[in-house]
Amino acid sequence: MRHVHISAYDPEWPRLAEREIARFASAVGARGLVAIHHIGSTSVPGLAAKPLIDLMPEVEHLAVIDRARTALEASGYAFWGEYGIAERRFCPRIAADGTRLVNVHCFACGDPGLARHLAFRDYLRAYPEMARAYADEKRRCAALHPDDPAAYSDAKGAFVRRVEADALAWWRERVGA
């Protein structure tokens, strides 16, 4: 059982993400790797979050990640395949004590998951009042489900889906998609 802990924003998170981006990129190699984005709550300045870095590599084809599986595992990443989301490769890095340190969500160029995550991140960055509301919602859900990460995620799901819809509309207007 893992405890759901929401931490105050840590200015070290972007630096941790950059180190993890370099580690992941080194394991995958440059061929077919388009970008690696720092996403999730730790990527939004000032936002309280679970102290867990989320990265989102964007690759030409998921075969890039599939071919790198051995190198990724040698670099400390697990390879969990789609793990509940079609057309994604999920590669967490987990400490020896079982603590998840990094979630890596890999998508191919053009996958809707890319826009969804980037829009949500950028929307929270652009609207600090929405980021504060999200932090309040996360704290509320963590208090309801302190020892059940799945229930915590489910509890905040309606809020996330509502904000995500607004974020995608905002994003499409900005990028002309």
C-alpha atoms as a PDB file:
ATOM      1  CA  MET A   1       0.000   0.000   0.000  1.00  0.00           C
ATOM      2  CA  ARG A   2       1.312   3.474  -0.878  1.00  0.00           C
ATOM      3  CA  HIS A   3       0.442   6.668   0.926  1.00  0.00           C
ATOM      4  CA  VAL A   4      -0.881   9.605  -1.122  1.00  0.00           C
ATOM      5  CA  HIS A   5       1.197  12.621  -0.152  1.00  0.00           C
ATOM      6  CA  ILE A   6       0.750  16.067  -1.687  1.00  0.00           C
ATOM      7  CA  SER A   7       3.834  18.261  -1.259  1.00  0.00           C
ATOM      8  CA  ALA A   8       4.253  21.991  -1.618  1.00  0.00           C
ATOM      9  CA  TYR A   9       5.885  22.940  -4.918  1.00  0.00           C
ATOM     10  CA  ASP A  10       9.600  22.194  -4.941  1.00  0.00           C
ATOM     11  CA  PRO A  11      11.749  24.350  -7.255  1.00  0.00           C
ATOM     12  CA  GLU A  12      14.060  21.343  -7.597  1.00  0.00           C
ATOM     13  CA  TRP A  13      11.449  19.430  -9.627  1.00  0.00           C
ATOM     14  CA  PRO A  14      12.357  21.002 -13.008  1.00  0.00           C
ATOM     15  CA  ARG A  15      16.044  20.166 -12.416  1.00  0.00           C
ATOM     16  CA  LEU A  16      15.130  16.591 -11.479  1.00  0.00           C
ATOM     17  CA  ALA A  17      13.062  16.396 -14.663  1.00  0.00           C
ATOM     18  CA  GLU A  18      15.978  17.638 -16.787  1.00  0.00           C
ATOM     19  CA  ARG A  19      18.287  14.989 -15.305  1.00  0.00           C
ATOM     20  CA  GLU A  20      15.662  12.322 -15.908  1.00  0.00           C
ATOM     21  CA  ILE A  21      15.116  13.548 -19.480  1.00  0.00           C
ATOM     22  CA  ALA A  22      18.854  13.141 -20.142  1.00  0.00           C
ATOM     23  CA  ARG A  23      18.848   9.659 -18.583  1.00  0.00           C
ATOM     24  CA  PHE A  24      15.862   8.497 -20.642  1.00  0.00           C
ATOM     25  CA  ALA A  25      17.170  10.059 -23.875  1.00  0.00           C
ATOM     26  CA  SER A  26      20.523   8.373 -23.381  1.00  0.00           C
ATOM     27  CA  ALA A  27      18.837   4.989 -23.066  1.00  0.00           C
ATOM     28  CA  VAL A  28      16.592   5.497 -26.108  1.00  0.00           C
ATOM     29  CA  GLY A  29      19.087   7.258 -28.362  1.00  0.00           C
ATOM     30  CA  ALA A  30      18.404  10.148 -30.711  1.00  0.00           C
ATOM     31  CA  ARG A  31      16.981   8.183 -33.635  1.00  0.00           C
ATOM     32  CA  GLY A  32      13.216   8.596 -33.677  1.00  0.00           C
ATOM     33  CA  LEU A  33      13.048  10.616 -30.460  1.00  0.00           C
ATOM     34  CA  VAL A  34      11.326  13.923 -31.244  1.00  0.00           C
ATOM     35  CA  ALA A  35      11.103  15.517 -27.776  1.00  0.00           C
ATOM     36  CA  ILE A  36      10.722  14.714 -24.107  1.00  0.00           C
ATOM     37  CA  HIS A  37       8.242  16.931 -22.269  1.00  0.00           C
ATOM     38  CA  HIS A  38       8.064  17.473 -18.499  1.00  0.00           C
ATOM     39  CA  ILE A  39       4.334  17.165 -17.749  1.00  0.00           C
ATOM     40  CA  GLY A  40       2.121  16.643 -14.736  1.00  0.00           C
ATOM     41  CA  SER A  41       1.839  18.724 -11.616  1.00  0.00           C
ATOM     42  CA  THR A  42       5.583  18.926 -10.968  1.00  0.00           C
ATOM     43  CA  SER A  43       5.894  20.818 -14.276  1.00  0.00           C
ATOM     44  CA  VAL A  44       3.624  23.669 -13.150  1.00  0.00           C
ATOM     45  CA  PRO A  45       5.489  26.299 -11.081  1.00  0.00           C
ATOM     46  CA  GLY A  46       3.910  26.767  -7.677  1.00  0.00           C
ATOM     47  CA  LEU A  47       1.555  23.782  -7.924  1.00  0.00           C
ATOM     48  CA  ALA A  48       1.401  21.374  -5.002  1.00  0.00           C
ATOM     49  CA  ALA A  49       1.924  17.806  -6.199  1.00  0.00           C
ATOM     50  CA  LYS A  50       2.819  14.264  -5.380  1.00  0.00           C
ATOM     51  CA  PRO A  51       6.627  14.375  -5.508  1.00  0.00           C
ATOM     52  CA  LEU A  52       6.732  12.246  -8.649  1.00  0.00           C
ATOM     53  CA  ILE A  53       8.146  13.468 -11.960  1.00  0.00           C
ATOM     54  CA  ASP A  54       6.082  12.783 -15.085  1.00  0.00           C
ATOM     55  CA  LEU A  55       7.762  12.820 -18.476  1.00  0.00           C
ATOM     56  CA  MET A  56       6.233  12.378 -21.901  1.00  0.00           C
ATOM     57  CA  PRO A  57       8.588  11.343 -24.701  1.00  0.00           C
ATOM     58  CA  GLU A  58       7.272  12.033 -28.178  1.00  0.00           C
ATOM     59  CA  VAL A  59       8.611   9.560 -30.728  1.00  0.00           C
ATOM     60  CA  GLU A  60       8.185   9.053 -34.454  1.00  0.00           C
ATOM     61  CA  HIS A  61       6.743   5.571 -33.825  1.00  0.00           C
ATOM     62  CA  LEU A  62       6.251   3.518 -30.658  1.00  0.00           C
ATOM     63  CA  ALA A  63       8.661   0.996 -32.169  1.00  0.00           C
ATOM     64  CA  VAL A  64      11.408   3.438 -31.097  1.00  0.00           C
ATOM     65  CA  ILE A  65      10.530   2.698 -27.463  1.00  0.00           C
ATOM     66  CA  ASP A  66       9.908  -0.990 -28.080  1.00  0.00           C
ATOM     67  CA  ARG A  67      13.386  -1.363 -29.625  1.00  0.00           C
ATOM     68  CA  ALA A  68      14.948   0.454 -26.657  1.00  0.00           C
ATOM     69  CA  ARG A  69      13.362  -1.809 -24.044  1.00  0.00           C
ATOM     70  CA  THR A  70      16.581  -3.589 -23.029  1.00  0.00           C
ATOM     71  CA  ALA A  71      18.497  -0.309 -22.745  1.00  0.00           C
ATOM     72  CA  LEU A  72      15.657   1.293 -20.787  1.00  0.00           C
ATOM     73  CA  GLU A  73      15.510  -1.608 -18.347  1.00  0.00           C
ATOM     74  CA  ALA A  74      19.309  -1.467 -17.966  1.00  0.00           C
ATOM     75  CA  SER A  75      18.926   2.245 -17.107  1.00  0.00           C
ATOM     76  CA  GLY A  76      16.465   1.474 -14.329  1.00  0.00           C
ATOM     77  CA  TYR A  77      13.122   1.867 -16.082  1.00  0.00           C
ATOM     78  CA  ALA A  78      10.425  -0.778 -15.999  1.00  0.00           C
ATOM     79  CA  PHE A  79       8.631  -1.543 -19.253  1.00  0.00           C
ATOM     80  CA  TRP A  80       4.907  -1.970 -18.657  1.00  0.00           C
ATOM     81  CA  GLY A  81       3.655  -1.669 -22.230  1.00  0.00           C
ATOM     82  CA  GLU A  82       0.406   0.213 -22.773  1.00  0.00           C
ATOM     83  CA  TYR A  83      -0.569  -0.162 -19.087  1.00  0.00           C
ATOM     84  CA  GLY A  84      -4.222   0.699 -19.606  1.00  0.00           C
ATOM     85  CA  ILE A  85      -3.859   3.368 -22.294  1.00  0.00           C
ATOM     86  CA  ALA A  86      -3.876   2.250 -25.910  1.00  0.00           C
ATOM     87  CA  GLU A  87      -0.985   3.429 -28.069  1.00  0.00           C
ATOM     88  CA  ARG A  88       1.157   4.415 -25.081  1.00  0.00           C
ATOM     89  CA  ARG A  89       4.273   2.879 -23.600  1.00  0.00           C
ATOM     90  CA  PHE A  90       4.578   3.323 -19.853  1.00  0.00           C
ATOM     91  CA  CYS A  91       8.051   3.099 -18.348  1.00  0.00           C
ATOM     92  CA  PRO A  92       8.202   4.036 -14.660  1.00  0.00           C
ATOM     93  CA  ARG A  93      11.436   4.217 -12.701  1.00  0.00           C
ATOM     94  CA  ILE A  94      10.981   2.719  -9.253  1.00  0.00           C
ATOM     95  CA  ALA A  95      13.326   2.902  -6.261  1.00  0.00           C
ATOM     96  CA  ALA A  96      14.532  -0.244  -4.519  1.00  0.00           C
ATOM     97  CA  ASP A  97      12.017   0.374  -1.714  1.00  0.00           C
ATOM     98  CA  GLY A  98       9.139   0.356  -4.230  1.00  0.00           C
ATOM     99  CA  THR A  99       8.690   4.130  -4.357  1.00  0.00           C
ATOM    100  CA  ARG A 100       7.854   5.294  -7.855  1.00  0.00           C
ATOM    101  CA  LEU A 101      10.280   8.084  -8.765  1.00  0.00           C
ATOM    102  CA  VAL A 102       9.335   8.842 -12.361  1.00  0.00           C
ATOM    103  CA  ASN A 103       6.429   8.053 -14.647  1.00  0.00           C
ATOM    104  CA  VAL A 104       7.323   8.059 -18.337  1.00  0.00           C
ATOM    105  CA  HIS A 105       4.364   8.121 -20.740  1.00  0.00           C
ATOM    106  CA  CYS A 106       5.568   7.574 -24.335  1.00  0.00           C
ATOM    107  CA  PHE A 107       3.400   8.533 -27.307  1.00  0.00           C
ATOM    108  CA  ALA A 108       3.922   8.639 -31.065  1.00  0.00           C
ATOM    109  CA  CYS A 109       3.711  11.951 -32.907  1.00  0.00           C
ATOM    110  CA  GLY A 110       0.126  12.966 -33.517  1.00  0.00           C
ATOM    111  CA  ASP A 111      -1.346  10.909 -30.684  1.00  0.00           C
ATOM    112  CA  PRO A 112      -4.148  12.824 -28.917  1.00  0.00           C
ATOM    113  CA  GLY A 113      -2.471  12.035 -25.587  1.00  0.00           C
ATOM    114  CA  LEU A 114       0.303  14.473 -26.439  1.00  0.00           C
ATOM    115  CA  ALA A 115      -2.024  17.440 -26.913  1.00  0.00           C
ATOM    116  CA  ARG A 116      -4.113  16.470 -23.887  1.00  0.00           C
ATOM    117  CA  HIS A 117      -1.138  16.458 -21.512  1.00  0.00           C
ATOM    118  CA  LEU A 118       0.542  19.541 -22.967  1.00  0.00           C
ATOM    119  CA  ALA A 119      -2.706  21.522 -23.039  1.00  0.00           C
ATOM    120  CA  PHE A 120      -3.472  20.674 -19.409  1.00  0.00           C
ATOM    121  CA  ARG A 121       0.067  21.623 -18.296  1.00  0.00           C
ATOM    122  CA  ASP A 122       0.152  24.882 -20.251  1.00  0.00           C
ATOM    123  CA  TYR A 123      -3.369  25.859 -19.172  1.00  0.00           C
ATOM    124  CA  LEU A 124      -2.442  25.473 -15.495  1.00  0.00           C
ATOM    125  CA  ARG A 125       0.724  27.479 -16.118  1.00  0.00           C
ATOM    126  CA  ALA A 126      -1.284  30.254 -17.810  1.00  0.00           C
ATOM    127  CA  TYR A 127      -4.062  30.345 -15.199  1.00  0.00           C
ATOM    128  CA  PRO A 128      -2.617  30.259 -11.653  1.00  0.00           C
ATOM    129  CA  GLU A 129      -6.099  30.437 -10.132  1.00  0.00           C
ATOM    130  CA  MET A 130      -6.958  27.158 -11.882  1.00  0.00           C
ATOM    131  CA  ALA A 131      -3.701  25.635 -10.643  1.00  0.00           C
ATOM    132  CA  ARG A 132      -4.664  26.679  -7.093  1.00  0.00           C
ATOM    133  CA  ALA A 133      -8.115  25.125  -7.530  1.00  0.00           C
ATOM    134  CA  TYR A 134      -6.462  21.929  -8.756  1.00  0.00           C
ATOM    135  CA  ALA A 135      -4.130  21.871  -5.746  1.00  0.00           C
ATOM    136  CA  ASP A 136      -7.152  22.268  -3.455  1.00  0.00           C
ATOM    137  CA  GLU A 137      -8.902  19.392  -5.246  1.00  0.00           C
ATOM    138  CA  LYS A 138      -5.828  17.171  -4.932  1.00  0.00           C
ATOM    139  CA  ARG A 139      -5.538  17.891  -1.220  1.00  0.00           C
ATOM    140  CA  ARG A 140      -9.263  17.158  -0.760  1.00  0.00           C
ATOM    141  CA  CYS A 141      -8.974  13.840  -2.601  1.00  0.00           C
ATOM    142  CA  ALA A 142      -5.783  12.874  -0.759  1.00  0.00           C
ATOM    143  CA  ALA A 143      -7.568  13.489   2.560  1.00  0.00           C
ATOM    144  CA  LEU A 144     -10.420  11.237   1.415  1.00  0.00           C
ATOM    145  CA  HIS A 145      -8.121   8.455   0.167  1.00  0.00           C
ATOM    146  CA  PRO A 146      -4.750   8.783   1.942  1.00  0.00           C
ATOM    147  CA  ASP A 147      -3.767   5.136   1.431  1.00  0.00           C
ATOM    148  CA  ASP A 148      -5.326   4.373  -1.933  1.00  0.00           C
ATOM    149  CA  PRO A 149      -3.653   6.020  -4.940  1.00  0.00           C
ATOM    150  CA  ALA A 150      -6.201   4.566  -7.379  1.00  0.00           C
ATOM    151  CA  ALA A 151      -9.154   5.926  -5.385  1.00  0.00           C
ATOM    152  CA  TYR A 152      -7.358   9.278  -5.102  1.00  0.00           C
ATOM    153  CA  SER A 153      -6.981   9.429  -8.892  1.00  0.00           C
ATOM    154  CA  ASP A 154     -10.590   8.401  -9.434  1.00  0.00           C
ATOM    155  CA  ALA A 155     -11.804  11.050  -6.969  1.00  0.00           C
ATOM    156  CA  LYS A 156     -10.084  13.895  -8.794  1.00  0.00           C
ATOM    157  CA  GLY A 157     -11.046  12.518 -12.214  1.00  0.00           C
ATOM    158  CA  ALA A 158     -14.157  14.633 -12.766  1.00  0.00           C
ATOM    159  CA  PHE A 159     -12.249  17.822 -11.975  1.00  0.00           C
ATOM    160  CA  VAL A 160      -9.400  16.831 -14.294  1.00  0.00           C
ATOM    161  CA  ARG A 161     -11.756  15.952 -17.170  1.00  0.00           C
ATOM    162  CA  ARG A 162     -13.590  19.276 -16.839  1.00  0.00           C
ATOM    163  CA  VAL A 163     -10.396  21.333 -16.767  1.00  0.00           C
ATOM    164  CA  GLU A 164      -8.880  19.210 -19.514  1.00  0.00           C
ATOM    165  CA  ALA A 165     -11.827  20.013 -21.817  1.00  0.00           C
ATOM    166  CA  ASP A 166     -11.336  23.746 -21.208  1.00  0.00           C
ATOM    167  CA  ALA A 167      -7.573  23.366 -21.621  1.00  0.00           C
ATOM    168  CA  LEU A 168      -7.923  21.575 -24.964  1.00  0.00           C
ATOM    169  CA  ALA A 169     -10.266  24.251 -26.309  1.00  0.00           C
ATOM    170  CA  TRP A 170      -7.825  26.943 -25.134  1.00  0.00           C
ATOM    171  CA  TRP A 171      -4.876  25.002 -26.582  1.00  0.00           C
ATOM    172  CA  ARG A 172      -6.510  24.521 -29.991  1.00  0.00           C
ATOM    173  CA  GLU A 173      -7.254  28.238 -30.168  1.00  0.00           C
ATOM    174  CA  ARG A 174      -3.611  29.036 -29.365  1.00  0.00           C
ATOM    175  CA  VAL A 175      -1.991  26.574 -31.766  1.00  0.00           C
ATOM    176  CA  GLY A 176      -4.624  26.810 -34.469  1.00  0.00           C
ATOM    177  CA  ALA A 177      -5.440  23.111 -34.385  1.00  0.00           C
END
